[in-house]
Structures are given as structure tokens and as C-alpha cells.
Amino acid sequence: MIAKVPEYRRGMGIAIMMEHPVPGQGGRHRQTLSYGHPPDLNLSPRQAIAREVKDVRNIYCRQGLYTPQLRQSLQQIIELNRLTWRGIFDKGESAL
């Protein structure tokens, strides 16, 4: 976000907590595409959030844990980002 939104500062991001399965090692966060990798600056903010949400959904689906409650939580993450960063997640290049 720092590269795409001038007024964004570290710590202002919106996140979702992914629980750590017990017993287990590493947790679901380490299974995400973005874990340990720099952001793809070729993606628009809208594309980036869509990719991240799809990734989380796929992780939970693979584990048989994708529920209506999780779906609603992912929709809330999208909406909260959209409301917090008005215009950034709109369709089209004009949003940048």
C-alpha cells in the first residue's frame, strides 16, 4: 500500500487473523502466497486484495473449513478496506 497510497503509513493496514491449528507448525498464514515475499507492485490495489482474499479462501477450502462465517469475514475485510481507503479499490486505473 505504501507504494500506491501516499498517505498510507505502516501500521494502518487492515488484516484478518488466521488461527494456528493445534497441534501444528507454522499456521495458515505461512501458507499464503504473500508470506515471505515482497508485494507485486504490478497489481492494482483492487487486484492485490482480490488475490489475497482468494488465497485465504482457497486455504480454508482445502482444509474443509470454509464456512458462511468465514465468507462473511472476508467480505467484511473487502468492505472495510474499501471504506477506509475510498477510491483506492475502485475499478479502473483512475483509482490509482
PDB file of N, CA and C in Angstrom:
ATOM      1  N   MET A   1       0.820  -1.198   0.000  1.00  0.00           N
ATOM      2  CA  MET A   1       0.000   0.000   0.000  1.00  0.00           C
ATOM      3  C   MET A   1       0.860   1.256   0.000  1.00  0.00           C
ATOM      4  N   ILE A   2       2.000   1.204   0.651  1.00  0.00           N
ATOM      5  CA  ILE A   2       2.849   2.392   0.724  1.00  0.00           C
ATOM      6  C   ILE A   2       3.194   2.897  -0.677  1.00  0.00           C
ATOM      7  N   ALA A   3       3.446   1.972  -1.592  1.00  0.00           N
ATOM      8  CA  ALA A   3       3.817   2.355  -2.955  1.00  0.00           C
ATOM      9  C   ALA A   3       2.643   2.913  -3.751  1.00  0.00           C
ATOM     10  N   LYS A   4       1.418   2.626  -3.342  1.00  0.00           N
ATOM     11  CA  LYS A   4       0.238   3.025  -4.098  1.00  0.00           C
ATOM     12  C   LYS A   4      -0.570   4.145  -3.455  1.00  0.00           C
ATOM     13  N   VAL A   5      -0.430   4.321  -2.151  1.00  0.00           N
ATOM     14  CA  VAL A   5      -1.232   5.302  -1.421  1.00  0.00           C
ATOM     15  C   VAL A   5      -0.304   6.219  -0.625  1.00  0.00           C
ATOM     16  N   PRO A   6      -0.116   7.455  -1.089  1.00  0.00           N
ATOM     17  CA  PRO A   6       0.854   8.360  -0.439  1.00  0.00           C
ATOM     18  C   PRO A   6       0.612   8.572   1.060  1.00  0.00           C
ATOM     19  N   GLU A   7      -0.637   8.637   1.511  1.00  0.00           N
ATOM     20  CA  GLU A   7      -0.899   8.914   2.929  1.00  0.00           C
ATOM     21  C   GLU A   7      -0.867   7.668   3.811  1.00  0.00           C
ATOM     22  N   TYR A   8      -0.635   6.520   3.228  1.00  0.00           N
ATOM     23  CA  TYR A   8      -0.571   5.267   3.985  1.00  0.00           C
ATOM     24  C   TYR A   8       0.741   5.181   4.757  1.00  0.00           C
ATOM     25  N   ARG A   9       0.654   4.730   5.994  1.00  0.00           N
ATOM     26  CA  ARG A   9       1.837   4.509   6.817  1.00  0.00           C
ATOM     27  C   ARG A   9       1.762   3.118   7.426  1.00  0.00           C
ATOM     28  N   ARG A  10       2.911   2.563   7.714  1.00  0.00           N
ATOM     29  CA  ARG A  10       2.977   1.238   8.335  1.00  0.00           C
ATOM     30  C   ARG A  10       2.123   1.215   9.601  1.00  0.00           C
ATOM     31  N   GLY A  11       1.395   0.144   9.765  1.00  0.00           N
ATOM     32  CA  GLY A  11       0.523   0.020  10.926  1.00  0.00           C
ATOM     33  C   GLY A  11      -0.911   0.454  10.647  1.00  0.00           C
ATOM     34  N   MET A  12      -1.168   0.992   9.466  1.00  0.00           N
ATOM     35  CA  MET A  12      -2.520   1.448   9.123  1.00  0.00           C
ATOM     36  C   MET A  12      -3.297   0.379   8.370  1.00  0.00           C
ATOM     37  N   GLY A  13      -2.661  -0.739   8.072  1.00  0.00           N
ATOM     38  CA  GLY A  13      -3.289  -1.786   7.278  1.00  0.00           C
ATOM     39  C   GLY A  13      -4.414  -2.495   8.009  1.00  0.00           C
ATOM     40  N   ILE A  14      -5.265  -3.120   7.241  1.00  0.00           N
ATOM     41  CA  ILE A  14      -6.387  -3.893   7.760  1.00  0.00           C
ATOM     42  C   ILE A  14      -6.062  -5.363   7.519  1.00  0.00           C
ATOM     43  N   ALA A  15      -6.209  -6.178   8.549  1.00  0.00           N
ATOM     44  CA  ALA A  15      -5.806  -7.576   8.458  1.00  0.00           C
ATOM     45  C   ALA A  15      -6.894  -8.503   8.959  1.00  0.00           C
ATOM     46  N   ILE A  16      -6.703  -9.763   8.695  1.00  0.00           N
ATOM     47  CA  ILE A  16      -7.582 -10.793   9.234  1.00  0.00           C
ATOM     48  C   ILE A  16      -6.702 -11.788   9.982  1.00  0.00           C
ATOM     49  N   MET A  17      -7.153 -12.216  11.135  1.00  0.00           N
ATOM     50  CA  MET A  17      -6.387 -13.181  11.907  1.00  0.00           C
ATOM     51  C   MET A  17      -6.689 -14.589  11.381  1.00  0.00           C
ATOM     52  N   MET A  18      -5.644 -15.338  11.122  1.00  0.00           N
ATOM     53  CA  MET A  18      -5.788 -16.723  10.684  1.00  0.00           C
ATOM     54  C   MET A  18      -5.289 -17.596  11.828  1.00  0.00           C
ATOM     55  N   GLU A  19      -6.194 -18.370  12.424  1.00  0.00           N
ATOM     56  CA  GLU A  19      -5.825 -19.140  13.601  1.00  0.00           C
ATOM     57  C   GLU A  19      -4.769 -20.191  13.272  1.00  0.00           C
ATOM     58  N   HIS A  20      -4.042 -20.547  14.302  1.00  0.00           N
ATOM     59  CA  HIS A  20      -2.991 -21.551  14.198  1.00  0.00           C
ATOM     60  C   HIS A  20      -3.577 -22.890  14.624  1.00  0.00           C
ATOM     61  N   PRO A  21      -3.587 -23.881  13.720  1.00  0.00           N
ATOM     62  CA  PRO A  21      -4.145 -25.179  14.110  1.00  0.00           C
ATOM     63  C   PRO A  21      -3.291 -25.845  15.192  1.00  0.00           C
ATOM     64  N   VAL A  22      -3.953 -26.508  16.123  1.00  0.00           N
ATOM     65  CA  VAL A  22      -3.247 -27.173  17.219  1.00  0.00           C
ATOM     66  C   VAL A  22      -3.580 -28.654  17.158  1.00  0.00           C
ATOM     67  N   PRO A  23      -2.662 -29.590  17.193  1.00  0.00           N
ATOM     68  CA  PRO A  23      -1.240 -29.314  17.085  1.00  0.00           C
ATOM     69  C   PRO A  23      -0.900 -28.932  15.647  1.00  0.00           C
ATOM     70  N   GLY A  24       0.171 -28.259  15.472  1.00  0.00           N
ATOM     71  CA  GLY A  24       0.565 -27.866  14.132  1.00  0.00           C
ATOM     72  C   GLY A  24       1.817 -27.025  14.162  1.00  0.00           C
ATOM     73  N   GLN A  25       2.310 -26.751  12.989  1.00  0.00           N
ATOM     74  CA  GLN A  25       3.524 -25.956  12.874  1.00  0.00           C
ATOM     75  C   GLN A  25       3.320 -24.928  11.786  1.00  0.00           C
ATOM     76  N   GLY A  26       3.588 -23.680  12.082  1.00  0.00           N
ATOM     77  CA  GLY A  26       3.571 -22.649  11.068  1.00  0.00           C
ATOM     78  C   GLY A  26       2.255 -21.937  10.884  1.00  0.00           C
ATOM     79  N   GLY A  27       1.163 -22.619  11.009  1.00  0.00           N
ATOM     80  CA  GLY A  27      -0.135 -21.984  10.850  1.00  0.00           C
ATOM     81  C   GLY A  27      -0.493 -21.674   9.408  1.00  0.00           C
ATOM     82  N   ARG A  28      -1.691 -21.184   9.220  1.00  0.00           N
ATOM     83  CA  ARG A  28      -2.216 -20.914   7.881  1.00  0.00           C
ATOM     84  C   ARG A  28      -1.574 -19.685   7.234  1.00  0.00           C
ATOM     85  N   HIS A  29      -1.168 -18.721   8.034  1.00  0.00           N
ATOM     86  CA  HIS A  29      -0.573 -17.522   7.465  1.00  0.00           C
ATOM     87  C   HIS A  29       0.645 -17.865   6.601  1.00  0.00           C
ATOM     88  N   ARG A  30       1.420 -18.831   7.035  1.00  0.00           N
ATOM     89  CA  ARG A  30       2.602 -19.226   6.267  1.00  0.00           C
ATOM     90  C   ARG A  30       2.236 -19.907   4.948  1.00  0.00           C
ATOM     91  N   GLN A  31       1.000 -20.314   4.800  1.00  0.00           N
ATOM     92  CA  GLN A  31       0.556 -20.942   3.555  1.00  0.00           C
ATOM     93  C   GLN A  31       0.125 -19.924   2.507  1.00  0.00           C
ATOM     94  N   THR A  32       0.009 -18.676   2.902  1.00  0.00           N
ATOM     95  CA  THR A  32      -0.450 -17.656   1.957  1.00  0.00           C
ATOM     96  C   THR A  32       0.621 -17.363   0.917  1.00  0.00           C
ATOM     97  N   LEU A  33       0.176 -16.932  -0.259  1.00  0.00           N
ATOM     98  CA  LEU A  33       1.084 -16.611  -1.355  1.00  0.00           C
ATOM     99  C   LEU A  33       2.023 -15.462  -1.001  1.00  0.00           C
ATOM    100  N   SER A  34       1.556 -14.550  -0.184  1.00  0.00           N
ATOM    101  CA  SER A  34       2.344 -13.351   0.115  1.00  0.00           C
ATOM    102  C   SER A  34       3.320 -13.528   1.268  1.00  0.00           C
ATOM    103  N   TYR A  35       3.208 -14.611   2.014  1.00  0.00           N
ATOM    104  CA  TYR A  35       4.078 -14.799   3.178  1.00  0.00           C
ATOM    105  C   TYR A  35       5.533 -14.889   2.735  1.00  0.00           C
ATOM    106  N   GLY A  36       6.359 -13.986   3.251  1.00  0.00           N
ATOM    107  CA  GLY A  36       7.784 -14.007   2.972  1.00  0.00           C
ATOM    108  C   GLY A  36       8.184 -13.498   1.598  1.00  0.00           C
ATOM    109  N   HIS A  37       7.227 -12.911   0.876  1.00  0.00           N
ATOM    110  CA  HIS A  37       7.523 -12.398  -0.464  1.00  0.00           C
ATOM    111  C   HIS A  37       7.176 -10.915  -0.536  1.00  0.00           C
ATOM    112  N   PRO A  38       7.940 -10.146  -1.300  1.00  0.00           N
ATOM    113  CA  PRO A  38       7.604  -8.725  -1.458  1.00  0.00           C
ATOM    114  C   PRO A  38       6.304  -8.586  -2.248  1.00  0.00           C
ATOM    115  N   PRO A  39       5.585  -7.496  -2.062  1.00  0.00           N
ATOM    116  CA  PRO A  39       4.327  -7.306  -2.796  1.00  0.00           C
ATOM    117  C   PRO A  39       4.580  -7.175  -4.298  1.00  0.00           C
ATOM    118  N   ASP A  40       3.616  -7.611  -5.083  1.00  0.00           N
ATOM    119  CA  ASP A  40       3.681  -7.472  -6.539  1.00  0.00           C
ATOM    120  C   ASP A  40       3.173  -6.082  -6.900  1.00  0.00           C
ATOM    121  N   LEU A  41       4.075  -5.168  -7.166  1.00  0.00           N
ATOM    122  CA  LEU A  41       3.707  -3.778  -7.433  1.00  0.00           C
ATOM    123  C   LEU A  41       3.090  -3.591  -8.811  1.00  0.00           C
ATOM    124  N   ASN A  42       3.048  -4.642  -9.614  1.00  0.00           N
ATOM    125  CA  ASN A  42       2.377  -4.573 -10.907  1.00  0.00           C
ATOM    126  C   ASN A  42       0.864  -4.710 -10.765  1.00  0.00           C
ATOM    127  N   LEU A  43       0.410  -5.173  -9.605  1.00  0.00           N
ATOM    128  CA  LEU A  43      -1.020  -5.326  -9.359  1.00  0.00           C
ATOM    129  C   LEU A  43      -1.601  -4.013  -8.848  1.00  0.00           C
ATOM    130  N   SER A  44      -2.831  -3.734  -9.255  1.00  0.00           N
ATOM    131  CA  SER A  44      -3.544  -2.601  -8.667  1.00  0.00           C
ATOM    132  C   SER A  44      -3.951  -3.000  -7.249  1.00  0.00           C
ATOM    133  N   PRO A  45      -4.272  -2.046  -6.379  1.00  0.00           N
ATOM    134  CA  PRO A  45      -4.744  -2.411  -5.044  1.00  0.00           C
ATOM    135  C   PRO A  45      -5.963  -3.340  -5.104  1.00  0.00           C
ATOM    136  N   ARG A  46      -6.856  -3.104  -6.054  1.00  0.00           N
ATOM    137  CA  ARG A  46      -8.042  -3.951  -6.209  1.00  0.00           C
ATOM    138  C   ARG A  46      -7.645  -5.384  -6.566  1.00  0.00           C
ATOM    139  N   GLN A  47      -6.691  -5.530  -7.480  1.00  0.00           N
ATOM    140  CA  GLN A  47      -6.216  -6.863  -7.857  1.00  0.00           C
ATOM    141  C   GLN A  47      -5.504  -7.544  -6.688  1.00  0.00           C
ATOM    142  N   ALA A  48      -4.740  -6.761  -5.939  1.00  0.00           N
ATOM    143  CA  ALA A  48      -3.991  -7.324  -4.809  1.00  0.00           C
ATOM    144  C   ALA A  48      -4.927  -7.850  -3.727  1.00  0.00           C
ATOM    145  N   ILE A  49      -5.948  -7.081  -3.372  1.00  0.00           N
ATOM    146  CA  ILE A  49      -6.855  -7.559  -2.325  1.00  0.00           C
ATOM    147  C   ILE A  49      -7.671  -8.752  -2.818  1.00  0.00           C
ATOM    148  N   ALA A  50      -8.052  -8.746  -4.102  1.00  0.00           N
ATOM    149  CA  ALA A  50      -8.785  -9.886  -4.656  1.00  0.00           C
ATOM    150  C   ALA A  50      -7.920 -11.145  -4.608  1.00  0.00           C
ATOM    151  N   ARG A  51      -6.653 -11.004  -4.931  1.00  0.00           N
ATOM    152  CA  ARG A  51      -5.724 -12.143  -4.901  1.00  0.00           C
ATOM    153  C   ARG A  51      -5.564 -12.674  -3.484  1.00  0.00           C
ATOM    154  N   GLU A  52      -5.395 -11.769  -2.525  1.00  0.00           N
ATOM    155  CA  GLU A  52      -5.208 -12.183  -1.134  1.00  0.00           C
ATOM    156  C   GLU A  52      -6.450 -12.878  -0.574  1.00  0.00           C
ATOM    157  N   VAL A  53      -7.625 -12.321  -0.859  1.00  0.00           N
ATOM    158  CA  VAL A  53      -8.867 -12.913  -0.367  1.00  0.00           C
ATOM    159  C   VAL A  53      -9.081 -14.291  -0.993  1.00  0.00           C
ATOM    160  N   LYS A  54      -8.821 -14.405  -2.288  1.00  0.00           N
ATOM    161  CA  LYS A  54      -8.961 -15.696  -2.970  1.00  0.00           C
ATOM    162  C   LYS A  54      -7.988 -16.715  -2.381  1.00  0.00           C
ATOM    163  N   ASP A  55      -6.791 -16.285  -2.077  1.00  0.00           N
ATOM    164  CA  ASP A  55      -5.787 -17.163  -1.491  1.00  0.00           C
ATOM    165  C   ASP A  55      -6.256 -17.692  -0.135  1.00  0.00           C
ATOM    166  N   VAL A  56      -6.747 -16.808   0.721  1.00  0.00           N
ATOM    167  CA  VAL A  56      -7.243 -17.226   2.040  1.00  0.00           C
ATOM    168  C   VAL A  56      -8.417 -18.188   1.873  1.00  0.00           C
ATOM    169  N   ARG A  57      -9.333 -17.853   0.978  1.00  0.00           N
ATOM    170  CA  ARG A  57     -10.483 -18.734   0.731  1.00  0.00           C
ATOM    171  C   ARG A  57     -10.007 -20.123   0.300  1.00  0.00           C
ATOM    172  N   ASN A  58      -9.041 -20.188  -0.601  1.00  0.00           N
ATOM    173  CA  ASN A  58      -8.534 -21.471  -1.076  1.00  0.00           C
ATOM    174  C   ASN A  58      -7.882 -22.290   0.031  1.00  0.00           C
ATOM    175  N   ILE A  59      -7.145 -21.635   0.912  1.00  0.00           N
ATOM    176  CA  ILE A  59      -6.510 -22.329   2.038  1.00  0.00           C
ATOM    177  C   ILE A  59      -7.578 -22.980   2.913  1.00  0.00           C
ATOM    178  N   TYR A  60      -8.603 -22.221   3.260  1.00  0.00           N
ATOM    179  CA  TYR A  60      -9.655 -22.764   4.114  1.00  0.00           C
ATOM    180  C   TYR A  60     -10.484 -23.821   3.387  1.00  0.00           C
ATOM    181  N   CYS A  61     -10.702 -23.659   2.099  1.00  0.00           N
ATOM    182  CA  CYS A  61     -11.429 -24.674   1.325  1.00  0.00           C
ATOM    183  C   CYS A  61     -10.664 -25.990   1.304  1.00  0.00           C
ATOM    184  N   ARG A  62      -9.360 -25.926   1.064  1.00  0.00           N
ATOM    185  CA  ARG A  62      -8.533 -27.144   1.037  1.00  0.00           C
ATOM    186  C   ARG A  62      -8.611 -27.911   2.346  1.00  0.00           C
ATOM    187  N   GLN A  63      -8.784 -27.186   3.428  1.00  0.00           N
ATOM    188  CA  GLN A  63      -8.821 -27.808   4.745  1.00  0.00           C
ATOM    189  C   GLN A  63     -10.247 -28.128   5.196  1.00  0.00           C
ATOM    190  N   GLY A  64     -11.220 -27.890   4.305  1.00  0.00           N
ATOM    191  CA  GLY A  64     -12.617 -28.182   4.636  1.00  0.00           C
ATOM    192  C   GLY A  64     -13.185 -27.269   5.707  1.00  0.00           C
ATOM    193  N   LEU A  65     -12.655 -26.049   5.802  1.00  0.00           N
ATOM    194  CA  LEU A  65     -13.054 -25.131   6.871  1.00  0.00           C
ATOM    195  C   LEU A  65     -13.712 -23.855   6.362  1.00  0.00           C
ATOM    196  N   TYR A  66     -13.999 -23.804   5.070  1.00  0.00           N
ATOM    197  CA  TYR A  66     -14.613 -22.588   4.516  1.00  0.00           C
ATOM    198  C   TYR A  66     -16.107 -22.608   4.841  1.00  0.00           C
ATOM    199  N   THR A  67     -16.518 -21.684   5.683  1.00  0.00           N
ATOM    200  CA  THR A  67     -17.890 -21.632   6.170  1.00  0.00           C
ATOM    201  C   THR A  67     -18.542 -20.307   5.770  1.00  0.00           C
ATOM    202  N   PRO A  68     -19.857 -20.216   5.904  1.00  0.00           N
ATOM    203  CA  PRO A  68     -20.510 -18.924   5.653  1.00  0.00           C
ATOM    204  C   PRO A  68     -19.956 -17.806   6.540  1.00  0.00           C
ATOM    205  N   GLN A  69     -19.567 -18.136   7.757  1.00  0.00           N
ATOM    206  CA  GLN A  69     -18.998 -17.132   8.664  1.00  0.00           C
ATOM    207  C   GLN A  69     -17.660 -16.615   8.119  1.00  0.00           C
ATOM    208  N   LEU A  70     -16.823 -17.505   7.611  1.00  0.00           N
ATOM    209  CA  LEU A  70     -15.547 -17.074   7.044  1.00  0.00           C
ATOM    210  C   LEU A  70     -15.783 -16.252   5.786  1.00  0.00           C
ATOM    211  N   ARG A  71     -16.730 -16.674   4.957  1.00  0.00           N
ATOM    212  CA  ARG A  71     -17.072 -15.910   3.748  1.00  0.00           C
ATOM    213  C   ARG A  71     -17.484 -14.493   4.119  1.00  0.00           C
ATOM    214  N   GLN A  72     -18.320 -14.369   5.155  1.00  0.00           N
ATOM    215  CA  GLN A  72     -18.765 -13.054   5.614  1.00  0.00           C
ATOM    216  C   GLN A  72     -17.581 -12.232   6.135  1.00  0.00           C
ATOM    217  N   SER A  73     -16.659 -12.863   6.838  1.00  0.00           N
ATOM    218  CA  SER A  73     -15.481 -12.151   7.347  1.00  0.00           C
ATOM    219  C   SER A  73     -14.624 -11.615   6.200  1.00  0.00           C
ATOM    220  N   LEU A  74     -14.456 -12.400   5.154  1.00  0.00           N
ATOM    221  CA  LEU A  74     -13.675 -11.945   4.005  1.00  0.00           C
ATOM    222  C   LEU A  74     -14.379 -10.796   3.288  1.00  0.00           C
ATOM    223  N   GLN A  75     -15.695 -10.858   3.203  1.00  0.00           N
ATOM    224  CA  GLN A  75     -16.449  -9.754   2.609  1.00  0.00           C
ATOM    225  C   GLN A  75     -16.305  -8.492   3.455  1.00  0.00           C
ATOM    226  N   GLN A  76     -16.279  -8.652   4.783  1.00  0.00           N
ATOM    227  CA  GLN A  76     -16.106  -7.502   5.675  1.00  0.00           C
ATOM    228  C   GLN A  76     -14.725  -6.878   5.502  1.00  0.00           C
ATOM    229  N   ILE A  77     -13.709  -7.703   5.303  1.00  0.00           N
ATOM    230  CA  ILE A  77     -12.352  -7.189   5.075  1.00  0.00           C
ATOM    231  C   ILE A  77     -12.329  -6.326   3.817  1.00  0.00           C
ATOM    232  N   ILE A  78     -12.968  -6.814   2.754  1.00  0.00           N
ATOM    233  CA  ILE A  78     -13.023  -6.058   1.498  1.00  0.00           C
ATOM    234  C   ILE A  78     -13.751  -4.741   1.718  1.00  0.00           C
ATOM    235  N   GLU A  79     -14.893  -4.792   2.370  1.00  0.00           N
ATOM    236  CA  GLU A  79     -15.694  -3.583   2.590  1.00  0.00           C
ATOM    237  C   GLU A  79     -14.963  -2.584   3.488  1.00  0.00           C
ATOM    238  N   LEU A  80     -14.329  -3.064   4.537  1.00  0.00           N
ATOM    239  CA  LEU A  80     -13.597  -2.175   5.436  1.00  0.00           C
ATOM    240  C   LEU A  80     -12.444  -1.487   4.700  1.00  0.00           C
ATOM    241  N   ASN A  81     -11.735  -2.219   3.869  1.00  0.00           N
ATOM    242  CA  ASN A  81     -10.670  -1.610   3.063  1.00  0.00           C
ATOM    243  C   ASN A  81     -11.247  -0.583   2.100  1.00  0.00           C
ATOM    244  N   ARG A  82     -12.350  -0.927   1.469  1.00  0.00           N
ATOM    245  CA  ARG A  82     -12.980  -0.023   0.503  1.00  0.00           C
ATOM    246  C   ARG A  82     -13.422   1.275   1.173  1.00  0.00           C
ATOM    247  N   LEU A  83     -13.989   1.175   2.371  1.00  0.00           N
ATOM    248  CA  LEU A  83     -14.455   2.364   3.088  1.00  0.00           C
ATOM    249  C   LEU A  83     -13.295   3.178   3.667  1.00  0.00           C
ATOM    250  N   THR A  84     -12.279   2.501   4.161  1.00  0.00           N
ATOM    251  CA  THR A  84     -11.133   3.186   4.764  1.00  0.00           C
ATOM    252  C   THR A  84     -10.306   3.909   3.720  1.00  0.00           C
ATOM    253  N   TRP A  85     -10.117   3.282   2.578  1.00  0.00           N
ATOM    254  CA  TRP A  85      -9.265   3.823   1.518  1.00  0.00           C
ATOM    255  C   TRP A  85     -10.126   4.140   0.309  1.00  0.00           C
ATOM    256  N   ARG A  86     -11.054   5.056   0.490  1.00  0.00           N
ATOM    257  CA  ARG A  86     -12.007   5.417  -0.571  1.00  0.00           C
ATOM    258  C   ARG A  86     -11.295   5.728  -1.884  1.00  0.00           C
ATOM    259  N   GLY A  87     -11.784   5.087  -2.948  1.00  0.00           N
ATOM    260  CA  GLY A  87     -11.261   5.316  -4.279  1.00  0.00           C
ATOM    261  C   GLY A  87     -10.108   4.405  -4.670  1.00  0.00           C
ATOM    262  N   ILE A  88      -9.377   3.888  -3.692  1.00  0.00           N
ATOM    263  CA  ILE A  88      -8.209   3.060  -3.979  1.00  0.00           C
ATOM    264  C   ILE A  88      -8.607   1.717  -4.584  1.00  0.00           C
ATOM    265  N   PHE A  89      -9.713   1.162  -4.156  1.00  0.00           N
ATOM    266  CA  PHE A  89     -10.121  -0.171  -4.613  1.00  0.00           C
ATOM    267  C   PHE A  89     -11.201  -0.125  -5.683  1.00  0.00           C
ATOM    268  N   ASP A  90     -11.437   1.059  -6.245  1.00  0.00           N
ATOM    269  CA  ASP A  90     -12.422   1.175  -7.322  1.00  0.00           C
ATOM    270  C   ASP A  90     -11.902   0.514  -8.586  1.00  0.00           C
ATOM    271  N   LYS A  91     -12.829   0.146  -9.461  1.00  0.00           N
ATOM    272  CA  LYS A  91     -12.430  -0.434 -10.743  1.00  0.00           C
ATOM    273  C   LYS A  91     -11.760   0.634 -11.602  1.00  0.00           C
ATOM    274  N   GLY A  92     -10.838   0.192 -12.443  1.00  0.00           N
ATOM    275  CA  GLY A  92     -10.216   1.098 -13.401  1.00  0.00           C
ATOM    276  C   GLY A  92      -8.949   1.735 -12.875  1.00  0.00           C
ATOM    277  N   GLU A  93      -8.132   2.185 -13.787  1.00  0.00           N
ATOM    278  CA  GLU A  93      -6.847   2.803 -13.450  1.00  0.00           C
ATOM    279  C   GLU A  93      -7.008   4.166 -12.804  1.00  0.00           C
ATOM    280  N   SER A  94      -8.169   4.814 -12.974  1.00  0.00           N
ATOM    281  CA  SER A  94      -8.359   6.132 -12.396  1.00  0.00           C
ATOM    282  C   SER A  94      -8.329   6.119 -10.868  1.00  0.00           C
ATOM    283  N   ALA A  95      -8.509   4.919 -10.274  1.00  0.00           N
ATOM    284  CA  ALA A  95      -8.486   4.799  -8.817  1.00  0.00           C
ATOM    285  C   ALA A  95      -7.085   4.983  -8.256  1.00  0.00           C
ATOM    286  N   LEU A  96      -6.060   4.805  -9.075  1.00  0.00           N
ATOM    287  CA  LEU A  96      -4.691   4.971  -8.583  1.00  0.00           C
ATOM    288  C   LEU A  96      -4.374   6.405  -8.627  1.00  0.00           C
TER     289      LEU A  96
END
